[in-house]
Structures are given as C-alpha cells and as structure tokens.
Amino acid sequence: MDSHGQDEQQVVWIVVRSEIGPLMLAATSDGLVNVVFHATEAVRDRALDRLAARLGAAPVEDPGAPVLAEAIRQLRAYFAGERHDFDLPLDWSLISGFNRQVLRELAAGVPYGTVVGYGDLAGRVGQPGGAQAVGAAMGANPLPVVVPCHRVVESDGGIGGFGGGLETKRKLLALEGVLPEPLF
C-alpha cells in the first residue's frame, strides 16, 4: 500500500531477443501492458520512464514474473510458427477511447494470416471514413505483435506504416504467410 492507503501498482519488465530484434515486455497485475520494439538500452530507458509516469510506479526488472514468462513462451511459439493466437491477460490502461475500441476489434477480429484495410477497420467500429484515425490508433498501440497492428494495410495494397519499422512489418507479415519472405 502507498501512503494514501491504496494498493500500489507493480510494473515488471524484461527485454527478450526475438526474430525481429530485442523486445521489451512490461506487465502489471492486470496483464501485459507494453511491448516495445528495438529495445536497446536507450529505447528501454525511455519506455521505462514513460511507464513510470503513466502508471505511477517505477518498473522493476523481473524475468521470473509469471505473466512475463507466459508472454515470452507464447511469443517464442508465435515466432516459431507454432502459435497463431495469443492467450494472455492484457492491461489496456495505456490506451483509451476510440484507440482502445479499434485495437480491441483488431485483436478479436483480424486473425493470423489475414490483413484488413485501415478504412475497413474504421467501418467495423462504426466510423466509416475514419481510416486516418485508425492509423493513429495503430501508431498508439502499446501492445504490438500481441495486438497485431502489423495486419493493418492500405486499401490500395500498400503495406502502410508501422511503429516498429517497415522491415519489421514485412517480417511479421511474411511469418504469417501474407507476404513472401524477403530475399535479402
């Protein structure tokens, strides 16, 4: 408990190696709260500072935390092509409103090996014509890979943008069989 008699939120984190580079995973007692691409020391430190400011608790490195261990297990299975869906508790507290609505629809309604257009996803949440807003929601996704924003593409067939970089998006889509493997 904190000095005001409220339970203090504990945030645990770890950096793991993956086929798309180092990923920082962070979790609260409610579930996985953040996945950060390209988690070099500098990127990790900025992410930890943001988490501390947003969640009101200094994150603690804890590779043994059960929610992190399960997230690592499921991510390894995903990258090995053995898992198509994640079954993890998620803490949605870093996202709200329209962005949360869009990301929940994405997580529930766009399965492995498929893609959806920004505009199509906007229509699914009752905002036809809201493709740009969906793009902003994808950019704000605190749980990439697990909440698969890499599956959202442009309606004209373009790959669209991606917070983890276009090469990372291509690798994820190739893993899921949507794009051919890059030649180099």
N, C-alpha and C. Protein backbone atom coordinates (compact mmCIF):
# COMPACT_ATOMS: atom_id res chain seq x y z
N MET A 1 0.84 -1.19 0.00
CA MET A 1 0.00 0.00 0.00
C MET A 1 0.87 1.24 0.00
N ASP A 2 0.36 2.27 -0.65
CA ASP A 2 1.11 3.52 -0.67
C ASP A 2 0.71 4.36 0.54
N SER A 3 1.22 5.58 0.62
CA SER A 3 0.97 6.43 1.78
C SER A 3 -0.48 6.89 1.88
N HIS A 4 -1.27 6.67 0.81
CA HIS A 4 -2.68 7.05 0.83
C HIS A 4 -3.59 5.86 1.08
N GLY A 5 -2.99 4.70 1.43
CA GLY A 5 -3.77 3.52 1.73
C GLY A 5 -4.28 2.78 0.50
N GLN A 6 -3.75 3.11 -0.69
CA GLN A 6 -4.16 2.42 -1.91
C GLN A 6 -3.09 1.42 -2.32
N ASP A 7 -3.54 0.34 -2.96
CA ASP A 7 -2.57 -0.62 -3.47
C ASP A 7 -1.74 0.04 -4.54
N GLU A 8 -0.44 -0.11 -4.42
CA GLU A 8 0.47 0.47 -5.42
C GLU A 8 0.59 -0.49 -6.58
N GLN A 9 0.50 0.04 -7.77
CA GLN A 9 0.62 -0.75 -8.98
C GLN A 9 2.06 -1.22 -9.13
N GLN A 10 2.26 -2.51 -9.33
CA GLN A 10 3.60 -3.01 -9.61
C GLN A 10 3.73 -3.24 -11.11
N VAL A 11 4.82 -2.76 -11.67
CA VAL A 11 5.10 -2.93 -13.09
C VAL A 11 6.41 -3.70 -13.19
N VAL A 12 6.36 -4.84 -13.88
CA VAL A 12 7.55 -5.66 -14.08
C VAL A 12 7.90 -5.67 -15.56
N TRP A 13 9.17 -5.88 -15.86
CA TRP A 13 9.60 -5.84 -17.25
C TRP A 13 10.78 -6.76 -17.49
N ILE A 14 11.02 -7.03 -18.77
CA ILE A 14 12.17 -7.79 -19.22
C ILE A 14 12.40 -7.46 -20.70
N VAL A 15 13.64 -7.59 -21.14
CA VAL A 15 13.95 -7.49 -22.56
C VAL A 15 14.30 -8.89 -23.05
N VAL A 16 13.68 -9.29 -24.16
CA VAL A 16 13.93 -10.62 -24.73
C VAL A 16 14.36 -10.47 -26.19
N ARG A 17 15.16 -11.41 -26.64
CA ARG A 17 15.55 -11.45 -28.04
C ARG A 17 14.44 -12.09 -28.84
N SER A 18 14.27 -11.60 -30.07
CA SER A 18 13.27 -12.19 -30.95
C SER A 18 13.77 -12.11 -32.38
N GLU A 19 13.05 -12.72 -33.27
CA GLU A 19 13.40 -12.70 -34.69
C GLU A 19 13.30 -11.31 -35.30
N ILE A 20 12.68 -10.39 -34.62
CA ILE A 20 12.57 -9.02 -35.12
C ILE A 20 13.37 -8.04 -34.25
N GLY A 21 14.29 -8.57 -33.46
CA GLY A 21 15.12 -7.74 -32.61
C GLY A 21 14.66 -7.79 -31.16
N PRO A 22 15.37 -7.06 -30.29
CA PRO A 22 15.01 -7.10 -28.88
C PRO A 22 13.65 -6.45 -28.62
N LEU A 23 12.85 -7.13 -27.82
CA LEU A 23 11.53 -6.63 -27.42
C LEU A 23 11.53 -6.43 -25.91
N MET A 24 11.04 -5.29 -25.46
CA MET A 24 10.81 -5.09 -24.03
C MET A 24 9.36 -5.43 -23.76
N LEU A 25 9.14 -6.28 -22.78
CA LEU A 25 7.80 -6.64 -22.34
C LEU A 25 7.61 -6.08 -20.95
N ALA A 26 6.46 -5.46 -20.71
CA ALA A 26 6.14 -4.95 -19.38
C ALA A 26 4.74 -5.41 -19.01
N ALA A 27 4.54 -5.66 -17.72
CA ALA A 27 3.24 -6.14 -17.26
C ALA A 27 2.90 -5.55 -15.90
N THR A 28 1.61 -5.50 -15.65
CA THR A 28 1.09 -5.14 -14.33
C THR A 28 0.36 -6.36 -13.79
N SER A 29 -0.25 -6.22 -12.64
CA SER A 29 -1.02 -7.33 -12.09
C SER A 29 -2.23 -7.66 -12.96
N ASP A 30 -2.64 -6.72 -13.82
CA ASP A 30 -3.77 -6.96 -14.72
C ASP A 30 -3.37 -7.68 -16.00
N GLY A 31 -2.09 -7.66 -16.36
CA GLY A 31 -1.65 -8.35 -17.55
C GLY A 31 -0.55 -7.60 -18.28
N LEU A 32 -0.23 -8.10 -19.46
CA LEU A 32 0.79 -7.47 -20.31
C LEU A 32 0.30 -6.06 -20.66
N VAL A 33 1.16 -5.07 -20.44
CA VAL A 33 0.75 -3.68 -20.65
C VAL A 33 1.50 -3.00 -21.78
N ASN A 34 2.70 -3.51 -22.12
CA ASN A 34 3.50 -2.83 -23.12
C ASN A 34 4.47 -3.80 -23.78
N VAL A 35 4.59 -3.67 -25.10
CA VAL A 35 5.61 -4.36 -25.89
C VAL A 35 6.32 -3.26 -26.66
N VAL A 36 7.64 -3.22 -26.56
CA VAL A 36 8.42 -2.15 -27.19
C VAL A 36 9.43 -2.76 -28.15
N PHE A 37 9.38 -2.33 -29.42
CA PHE A 37 10.32 -2.78 -30.44
C PHE A 37 11.70 -2.18 -30.23
N HIS A 38 12.71 -2.84 -30.81
CA HIS A 38 14.07 -2.32 -30.90
C HIS A 38 14.56 -1.83 -29.53
N ALA A 39 14.40 -2.69 -28.53
CA ALA A 39 14.63 -2.30 -27.13
C ALA A 39 16.11 -2.28 -26.77
N THR A 40 16.82 -1.36 -27.40
CA THR A 40 18.20 -1.07 -26.99
C THR A 40 18.13 -0.44 -25.61
N GLU A 41 19.27 -0.25 -25.00
CA GLU A 41 19.27 0.34 -23.66
C GLU A 41 18.60 1.71 -23.64
N ALA A 42 18.89 2.56 -24.62
CA ALA A 42 18.30 3.90 -24.66
C ALA A 42 16.79 3.84 -24.87
N VAL A 43 16.34 2.99 -25.80
CA VAL A 43 14.90 2.85 -26.05
C VAL A 43 14.20 2.29 -24.81
N ARG A 44 14.82 1.29 -24.21
CA ARG A 44 14.26 0.69 -22.99
C ARG A 44 14.12 1.73 -21.88
N ASP A 45 15.16 2.52 -21.67
CA ASP A 45 15.13 3.51 -20.59
C ASP A 45 14.02 4.55 -20.81
N ARG A 46 13.84 4.99 -22.07
CA ARG A 46 12.76 5.94 -22.36
C ARG A 46 11.39 5.28 -22.11
N ALA A 47 11.26 4.04 -22.52
CA ALA A 47 9.99 3.33 -22.31
C ALA A 47 9.70 3.15 -20.83
N LEU A 48 10.72 2.83 -20.05
CA LEU A 48 10.52 2.66 -18.60
C LEU A 48 10.14 3.98 -17.93
N ASP A 49 10.74 5.07 -18.38
CA ASP A 49 10.37 6.39 -17.85
C ASP A 49 8.91 6.72 -18.17
N ARG A 50 8.48 6.42 -19.41
CA ARG A 50 7.08 6.67 -19.80
C ARG A 50 6.13 5.81 -18.97
N LEU A 51 6.49 4.54 -18.78
CA LEU A 51 5.63 3.66 -17.97
C LEU A 51 5.52 4.16 -16.54
N ALA A 52 6.62 4.57 -15.96
CA ALA A 52 6.60 5.09 -14.59
C ALA A 52 5.69 6.31 -14.49
N ALA A 53 5.80 7.21 -15.47
CA ALA A 53 4.97 8.41 -15.46
C ALA A 53 3.50 8.08 -15.66
N ARG A 54 3.19 7.17 -16.56
CA ARG A 54 1.79 6.84 -16.88
C ARG A 54 1.13 5.97 -15.83
N LEU A 55 1.90 5.04 -15.24
CA LEU A 55 1.30 4.07 -14.32
C LEU A 55 1.56 4.37 -12.85
N GLY A 56 2.41 5.37 -12.58
CA GLY A 56 2.62 5.80 -11.21
C GLY A 56 3.47 4.86 -10.37
N ALA A 57 4.25 4.00 -11.02
CA ALA A 57 5.13 3.10 -10.28
C ALA A 57 6.39 2.87 -11.10
N ALA A 58 7.52 2.81 -10.42
CA ALA A 58 8.78 2.55 -11.10
C ALA A 58 8.81 1.08 -11.52
N PRO A 59 8.96 0.81 -12.82
CA PRO A 59 9.03 -0.59 -13.26
C PRO A 59 10.25 -1.30 -12.69
N VAL A 60 10.08 -2.59 -12.40
CA VAL A 60 11.12 -3.42 -11.81
C VAL A 60 11.42 -4.57 -12.77
N GLU A 61 12.71 -4.76 -13.08
CA GLU A 61 13.07 -5.89 -13.93
C GLU A 61 12.81 -7.18 -13.16
N ASP A 62 12.00 -8.07 -13.75
CA ASP A 62 11.64 -9.32 -13.07
C ASP A 62 11.39 -10.42 -14.10
N PRO A 63 12.47 -11.06 -14.58
CA PRO A 63 12.32 -12.09 -15.60
C PRO A 63 11.50 -13.29 -15.12
N GLY A 64 11.35 -13.45 -13.82
CA GLY A 64 10.61 -14.59 -13.28
C GLY A 64 9.13 -14.33 -13.09
N ALA A 65 8.67 -13.12 -13.37
CA ALA A 65 7.24 -12.82 -13.18
C ALA A 65 6.42 -13.74 -14.08
N PRO A 66 5.41 -14.42 -13.52
CA PRO A 66 4.64 -15.40 -14.30
C PRO A 66 4.03 -14.83 -15.58
N VAL A 67 3.47 -13.63 -15.54
CA VAL A 67 2.85 -13.08 -16.74
C VAL A 67 3.90 -12.82 -17.83
N LEU A 68 5.10 -12.44 -17.44
CA LEU A 68 6.17 -12.23 -18.42
C LEU A 68 6.66 -13.57 -18.96
N ALA A 69 6.81 -14.56 -18.09
CA ALA A 69 7.25 -15.88 -18.53
C ALA A 69 6.27 -16.46 -19.54
N GLU A 70 4.99 -16.30 -19.31
CA GLU A 70 3.99 -16.81 -20.25
C GLU A 70 4.00 -16.02 -21.55
N ALA A 71 4.18 -14.71 -21.47
CA ALA A 71 4.26 -13.90 -22.69
C ALA A 71 5.47 -14.32 -23.52
N ILE A 72 6.60 -14.55 -22.88
CA ILE A 72 7.80 -15.00 -23.59
C ILE A 72 7.54 -16.35 -24.25
N ARG A 73 6.93 -17.27 -23.53
CA ARG A 73 6.64 -18.59 -24.09
C ARG A 73 5.76 -18.48 -25.33
N GLN A 74 4.71 -17.67 -25.23
CA GLN A 74 3.79 -17.52 -26.36
C GLN A 74 4.44 -16.79 -27.53
N LEU A 75 5.26 -15.78 -27.27
CA LEU A 75 5.95 -15.07 -28.35
C LEU A 75 6.94 -16.00 -29.06
N ARG A 76 7.67 -16.81 -28.30
CA ARG A 76 8.60 -17.75 -28.94
C ARG A 76 7.84 -18.73 -29.83
N ALA A 77 6.70 -19.23 -29.35
CA ALA A 77 5.90 -20.16 -30.15
C ALA A 77 5.36 -19.46 -31.40
N TYR A 78 4.96 -18.19 -31.27
CA TYR A 78 4.49 -17.42 -32.43
C TYR A 78 5.60 -17.30 -33.47
N PHE A 79 6.79 -16.88 -33.04
CA PHE A 79 7.89 -16.70 -33.98
C PHE A 79 8.36 -18.03 -34.58
N ALA A 80 8.12 -19.12 -33.89
CA ALA A 80 8.47 -20.45 -34.42
C ALA A 80 7.38 -20.98 -35.35
N GLY A 81 6.28 -20.22 -35.51
CA GLY A 81 5.19 -20.65 -36.36
C GLY A 81 4.27 -21.67 -35.71
N GLU A 82 4.40 -21.85 -34.41
CA GLU A 82 3.61 -22.84 -33.68
C GLU A 82 2.37 -22.26 -33.00
N ARG A 83 2.25 -20.96 -32.95
CA ARG A 83 1.12 -20.31 -32.28
C ARG A 83 0.59 -19.23 -33.20
N HIS A 84 -0.73 -19.21 -33.34
CA HIS A 84 -1.37 -18.21 -34.20
C HIS A 84 -2.17 -17.18 -33.42
N ASP A 85 -2.48 -17.47 -32.18
CA ASP A 85 -3.26 -16.57 -31.32
C ASP A 85 -2.57 -16.43 -29.98
N PHE A 86 -2.66 -15.27 -29.41
CA PHE A 86 -2.13 -15.07 -28.06
C PHE A 86 -3.26 -15.20 -27.06
N ASP A 87 -2.97 -15.86 -25.97
CA ASP A 87 -3.94 -16.04 -24.90
C ASP A 87 -3.30 -15.51 -23.62
N LEU A 88 -3.23 -14.20 -23.54
CA LEU A 88 -2.59 -13.54 -22.42
C LEU A 88 -3.54 -12.52 -21.81
N PRO A 89 -3.49 -12.34 -20.50
CA PRO A 89 -4.23 -11.21 -19.94
C PRO A 89 -3.56 -9.92 -20.39
N LEU A 90 -4.38 -8.97 -20.82
CA LEU A 90 -3.85 -7.69 -21.29
C LEU A 90 -4.35 -6.56 -20.39
N ASP A 91 -3.46 -5.65 -20.09
CA ASP A 91 -3.80 -4.44 -19.35
C ASP A 91 -3.90 -3.32 -20.38
N TRP A 92 -5.11 -2.83 -20.59
CA TRP A 92 -5.39 -1.82 -21.62
C TRP A 92 -5.25 -0.40 -21.07
N SER A 93 -4.67 -0.21 -19.90
CA SER A 93 -4.68 1.10 -19.26
C SER A 93 -3.86 2.17 -19.97
N LEU A 94 -2.98 1.80 -20.91
CA LEU A 94 -2.20 2.82 -21.62
C LEU A 94 -2.94 3.36 -22.83
N ILE A 95 -4.14 2.90 -23.09
CA ILE A 95 -4.89 3.32 -24.28
C ILE A 95 -6.37 3.44 -23.90
N SER A 96 -7.05 4.39 -24.49
CA SER A 96 -8.46 4.59 -24.12
C SER A 96 -9.26 5.05 -25.34
N GLY A 97 -10.54 5.20 -25.14
CA GLY A 97 -11.43 5.78 -26.14
C GLY A 97 -11.44 5.03 -27.46
N PHE A 98 -11.46 5.79 -28.54
CA PHE A 98 -11.52 5.25 -29.89
C PHE A 98 -10.35 4.31 -30.16
N ASN A 99 -9.15 4.72 -29.73
CA ASN A 99 -7.97 3.88 -29.98
C ASN A 99 -8.13 2.51 -29.34
N ARG A 100 -8.62 2.46 -28.12
CA ARG A 100 -8.84 1.18 -27.45
C ARG A 100 -9.89 0.36 -28.19
N GLN A 101 -10.96 1.01 -28.61
CA GLN A 101 -12.03 0.31 -29.35
C GLN A 101 -11.47 -0.32 -30.62
N VAL A 102 -10.68 0.43 -31.36
CA VAL A 102 -10.09 -0.07 -32.61
C VAL A 102 -9.14 -1.23 -32.33
N LEU A 103 -8.29 -1.10 -31.32
CA LEU A 103 -7.32 -2.15 -31.02
C LEU A 103 -7.99 -3.42 -30.52
N ARG A 104 -9.06 -3.28 -29.76
CA ARG A 104 -9.80 -4.48 -29.31
C ARG A 104 -10.44 -5.18 -30.50
N GLU A 105 -10.99 -4.42 -31.43
CA GLU A 105 -11.57 -5.03 -32.64
C GLU A 105 -10.49 -5.71 -33.46
N LEU A 106 -9.36 -5.08 -33.58
CA LEU A 106 -8.24 -5.68 -34.30
C LEU A 106 -7.85 -7.01 -33.66
N ALA A 107 -7.68 -7.00 -32.34
CA ALA A 107 -7.24 -8.21 -31.63
C ALA A 107 -8.26 -9.34 -31.78
N ALA A 108 -9.53 -9.00 -31.74
CA ALA A 108 -10.59 -10.03 -31.79
C ALA A 108 -10.97 -10.42 -33.21
N GLY A 109 -10.85 -9.49 -34.16
CA GLY A 109 -11.48 -9.72 -35.45
C GLY A 109 -10.58 -9.85 -36.66
N VAL A 110 -9.25 -9.82 -36.47
CA VAL A 110 -8.35 -9.95 -37.62
C VAL A 110 -7.37 -11.09 -37.30
N PRO A 111 -7.72 -12.30 -37.74
CA PRO A 111 -6.92 -13.46 -37.35
C PRO A 111 -5.57 -13.55 -38.07
N TYR A 112 -4.74 -14.38 -37.52
CA TYR A 112 -3.42 -14.72 -38.06
C TYR A 112 -3.54 -15.01 -39.56
N GLY A 113 -2.59 -14.48 -40.33
CA GLY A 113 -2.55 -14.78 -41.75
C GLY A 113 -3.51 -13.98 -42.60
N THR A 114 -4.17 -12.99 -42.00
CA THR A 114 -5.08 -12.12 -42.76
C THR A 114 -4.68 -10.68 -42.52
N VAL A 115 -5.19 -9.81 -43.38
CA VAL A 115 -4.97 -8.37 -43.20
C VAL A 115 -6.31 -7.67 -43.34
N VAL A 116 -6.34 -6.43 -42.90
CA VAL A 116 -7.52 -5.58 -43.01
C VAL A 116 -7.04 -4.18 -43.40
N GLY A 117 -7.84 -3.48 -44.18
CA GLY A 117 -7.51 -2.11 -44.53
C GLY A 117 -7.84 -1.15 -43.40
N TYR A 118 -7.15 -0.03 -43.35
CA TYR A 118 -7.42 0.98 -42.33
C TYR A 118 -8.90 1.39 -42.38
N GLY A 119 -9.40 1.66 -43.59
CA GLY A 119 -10.79 2.07 -43.75
C GLY A 119 -11.77 0.98 -43.35
N ASP A 120 -11.46 -0.26 -43.71
CA ASP A 120 -12.33 -1.37 -43.33
C ASP A 120 -12.42 -1.50 -41.81
N LEU A 121 -11.29 -1.36 -41.15
CA LEU A 121 -11.28 -1.45 -39.69
C LEU A 121 -12.08 -0.29 -39.08
N ALA A 122 -11.97 0.88 -39.68
CA ALA A 122 -12.75 2.03 -39.21
C ALA A 122 -14.25 1.72 -39.32
N GLY A 123 -14.65 1.14 -40.44
CA GLY A 123 -16.06 0.76 -40.61
C GLY A 123 -16.52 -0.25 -39.58
N ARG A 124 -15.66 -1.17 -39.21
CA ARG A 124 -16.02 -2.20 -38.22
C ARG A 124 -16.34 -1.60 -36.85
N VAL A 125 -15.75 -0.45 -36.56
CA VAL A 125 -16.01 0.18 -35.26
C VAL A 125 -16.98 1.35 -35.40
N GLY A 126 -17.70 1.38 -36.53
CA GLY A 126 -18.75 2.38 -36.70
C GLY A 126 -18.27 3.76 -37.11
N GLN A 127 -17.07 3.84 -37.68
CA GLN A 127 -16.52 5.13 -38.10
C GLN A 127 -16.09 5.09 -39.56
N PRO A 128 -17.04 4.83 -40.48
CA PRO A 128 -16.62 4.81 -41.88
C PRO A 128 -15.98 6.15 -42.24
N GLY A 129 -14.95 6.09 -43.02
CA GLY A 129 -14.22 7.31 -43.34
C GLY A 129 -13.17 7.66 -42.30
N GLY A 130 -13.00 6.82 -41.30
CA GLY A 130 -12.04 7.10 -40.23
C GLY A 130 -10.71 6.40 -40.38
N ALA A 131 -10.27 6.19 -41.63
CA ALA A 131 -9.02 5.47 -41.87
C ALA A 131 -7.83 6.15 -41.19
N GLN A 132 -7.75 7.47 -41.27
CA GLN A 132 -6.62 8.16 -40.66
C GLN A 132 -6.63 8.00 -39.14
N ALA A 133 -7.81 8.03 -38.54
CA ALA A 133 -7.91 7.83 -37.10
C ALA A 133 -7.48 6.42 -36.72
N VAL A 134 -7.81 5.45 -37.57
CA VAL A 134 -7.35 4.08 -37.32
C VAL A 134 -5.83 4.02 -37.41
N GLY A 135 -5.26 4.72 -38.38
CA GLY A 135 -3.81 4.78 -38.49
C GLY A 135 -3.18 5.35 -37.22
N ALA A 136 -3.79 6.37 -36.67
CA ALA A 136 -3.29 6.96 -35.42
C ALA A 136 -3.40 5.95 -34.27
N ALA A 137 -4.49 5.19 -34.25
CA ALA A 137 -4.67 4.16 -33.22
C ALA A 137 -3.59 3.09 -33.33
N MET A 138 -3.25 2.72 -34.58
CA MET A 138 -2.19 1.72 -34.76
C MET A 138 -0.87 2.26 -34.24
N GLY A 139 -0.60 3.52 -34.51
CA GLY A 139 0.64 4.14 -34.03
C GLY A 139 0.70 4.26 -32.52
N ALA A 140 -0.45 4.27 -31.87
CA ALA A 140 -0.51 4.38 -30.41
C ALA A 140 -0.58 3.02 -29.72
N ASN A 141 -0.57 1.93 -30.49
CA ASN A 141 -0.72 0.59 -29.93
C ASN A 141 0.40 0.29 -28.93
N PRO A 142 0.06 0.11 -27.64
CA PRO A 142 1.10 -0.21 -26.66
C PRO A 142 1.47 -1.69 -26.65
N LEU A 143 0.75 -2.52 -27.43
CA LEU A 143 0.94 -3.97 -27.38
C LEU A 143 1.16 -4.58 -28.77
N PRO A 144 2.08 -4.01 -29.58
CA PRO A 144 2.26 -4.56 -30.92
C PRO A 144 2.68 -6.03 -30.88
N VAL A 145 2.46 -6.70 -31.94
CA VAL A 145 2.62 -8.14 -32.15
C VAL A 145 1.47 -8.87 -31.48
N VAL A 146 1.29 -8.68 -30.17
CA VAL A 146 0.20 -9.35 -29.45
C VAL A 146 -1.14 -8.80 -29.91
N VAL A 147 -1.27 -7.50 -30.01
CA VAL A 147 -2.41 -6.85 -30.67
C VAL A 147 -1.87 -6.46 -32.04
N PRO A 148 -2.22 -7.24 -33.07
CA PRO A 148 -1.47 -7.29 -34.34
C PRO A 148 -1.67 -6.13 -35.31
N CYS A 149 -1.17 -4.96 -34.95
CA CYS A 149 -1.31 -3.80 -35.83
C CYS A 149 -0.55 -3.99 -37.15
N HIS A 150 0.37 -4.95 -37.18
CA HIS A 150 1.06 -5.23 -38.45
C HIS A 150 0.11 -5.79 -39.50
N ARG A 151 -1.07 -6.24 -39.11
CA ARG A 151 -2.05 -6.79 -40.05
C ARG A 151 -2.93 -5.73 -40.70
N VAL A 152 -2.70 -4.46 -40.41
CA VAL A 152 -3.49 -3.38 -40.98
C VAL A 152 -2.69 -2.76 -42.12
N VAL A 153 -3.31 -2.74 -43.31
CA VAL A 153 -2.62 -2.29 -44.52
C VAL A 153 -3.47 -1.26 -45.27
N GLU A 154 -2.88 -0.67 -46.28
CA GLU A 154 -3.60 0.31 -47.09
C GLU A 154 -4.56 -0.39 -48.05
N SER A 155 -5.65 0.26 -48.36
CA SER A 155 -6.67 -0.34 -49.23
C SER A 155 -6.17 -0.54 -50.66
N ASP A 156 -5.16 0.23 -51.07
CA ASP A 156 -4.64 0.07 -52.43
C ASP A 156 -3.57 -1.01 -52.53
N GLY A 157 -3.39 -1.76 -51.45
CA GLY A 157 -2.41 -2.84 -51.45
C GLY A 157 -1.07 -2.45 -50.85
N GLY A 158 -0.89 -1.18 -50.52
CA GLY A 158 0.36 -0.76 -49.88
C GLY A 158 0.46 -1.32 -48.47
N ILE A 159 1.67 -1.42 -47.99
CA ILE A 159 1.89 -2.02 -46.67
C ILE A 159 1.48 -1.08 -45.54
N GLY A 160 1.51 0.23 -45.79
CA GLY A 160 1.16 1.19 -44.74
C GLY A 160 2.36 1.44 -43.83
N GLY A 161 2.14 2.19 -42.79
CA GLY A 161 3.21 2.50 -41.84
C GLY A 161 3.29 1.47 -40.73
N PHE A 162 4.31 1.65 -39.87
CA PHE A 162 4.46 0.73 -38.75
C PHE A 162 5.46 1.29 -37.76
N GLY A 163 5.08 1.34 -36.50
CA GLY A 163 5.94 1.89 -35.47
C GLY A 163 7.25 1.15 -35.29
N GLY A 164 7.26 -0.13 -35.61
CA GLY A 164 8.47 -0.93 -35.49
C GLY A 164 9.34 -0.88 -36.72
N GLY A 165 8.91 -0.10 -37.73
CA GLY A 165 9.64 -0.01 -38.99
C GLY A 165 9.04 -0.94 -40.03
N LEU A 166 9.14 -0.54 -41.28
CA LEU A 166 8.53 -1.33 -42.35
C LEU A 166 9.16 -2.70 -42.51
N GLU A 167 10.47 -2.82 -42.27
CA GLU A 167 11.11 -4.13 -42.39
C GLU A 167 10.54 -5.09 -41.33
N THR A 168 10.30 -4.60 -40.14
CA THR A 168 9.70 -5.43 -39.10
C THR A 168 8.29 -5.84 -39.51
N LYS A 169 7.52 -4.92 -40.07
CA LYS A 169 6.16 -5.25 -40.52
C LYS A 169 6.22 -6.31 -41.60
N ARG A 170 7.14 -6.16 -42.54
CA ARG A 170 7.28 -7.16 -43.61
C ARG A 170 7.62 -8.53 -43.02
N LYS A 171 8.53 -8.57 -42.06
CA LYS A 171 8.91 -9.85 -41.44
C LYS A 171 7.73 -10.51 -40.75
N LEU A 172 6.93 -9.73 -40.04
CA LEU A 172 5.76 -10.28 -39.35
C LEU A 172 4.73 -10.80 -40.35
N LEU A 173 4.49 -10.03 -41.41
CA LEU A 173 3.52 -10.48 -42.43
C LEU A 173 4.05 -11.70 -43.18
N ALA A 174 5.35 -11.78 -43.41
CA ALA A 174 5.93 -12.96 -44.06
C ALA A 174 5.80 -14.17 -43.15
N LEU A 175 6.05 -14.00 -41.85
CA LEU A 175 5.90 -15.08 -40.89
C LEU A 175 4.49 -15.66 -40.95
N GLU A 176 3.50 -14.78 -41.12
CA GLU A 176 2.11 -15.20 -41.14
C GLU A 176 1.66 -15.64 -42.54
N GLY A 177 2.57 -15.63 -43.51
CA GLY A 177 2.24 -16.10 -44.85
C GLY A 177 1.50 -15.10 -45.72
N VAL A 178 1.43 -13.85 -45.29
CA VAL A 178 0.73 -12.81 -46.05
C VAL A 178 1.62 -12.25 -47.15
N LEU A 179 2.90 -12.15 -46.89
CA LEU A 179 3.88 -11.66 -47.86
C LEU A 179 4.93 -12.74 -48.06
N PRO A 180 5.59 -12.74 -49.21
CA PRO A 180 6.71 -13.67 -49.38
C PRO A 180 7.87 -13.26 -48.47
N GLU A 181 8.69 -14.21 -48.12
CA GLU A 181 9.89 -13.90 -47.32
C GLU A 181 10.75 -12.92 -48.10
N PRO A 182 11.33 -11.94 -47.43
CA PRO A 182 12.25 -11.04 -48.14
C PRO A 182 13.44 -11.83 -48.70
N LEU A 183 13.88 -11.44 -49.87
CA LEU A 183 15.02 -12.13 -50.48
C LEU A 183 16.34 -11.79 -49.80
N PHE A 184 16.42 -10.58 -49.25
CA PHE A 184 17.65 -10.16 -48.55
C PHE A 184 17.33 -9.12 -47.54
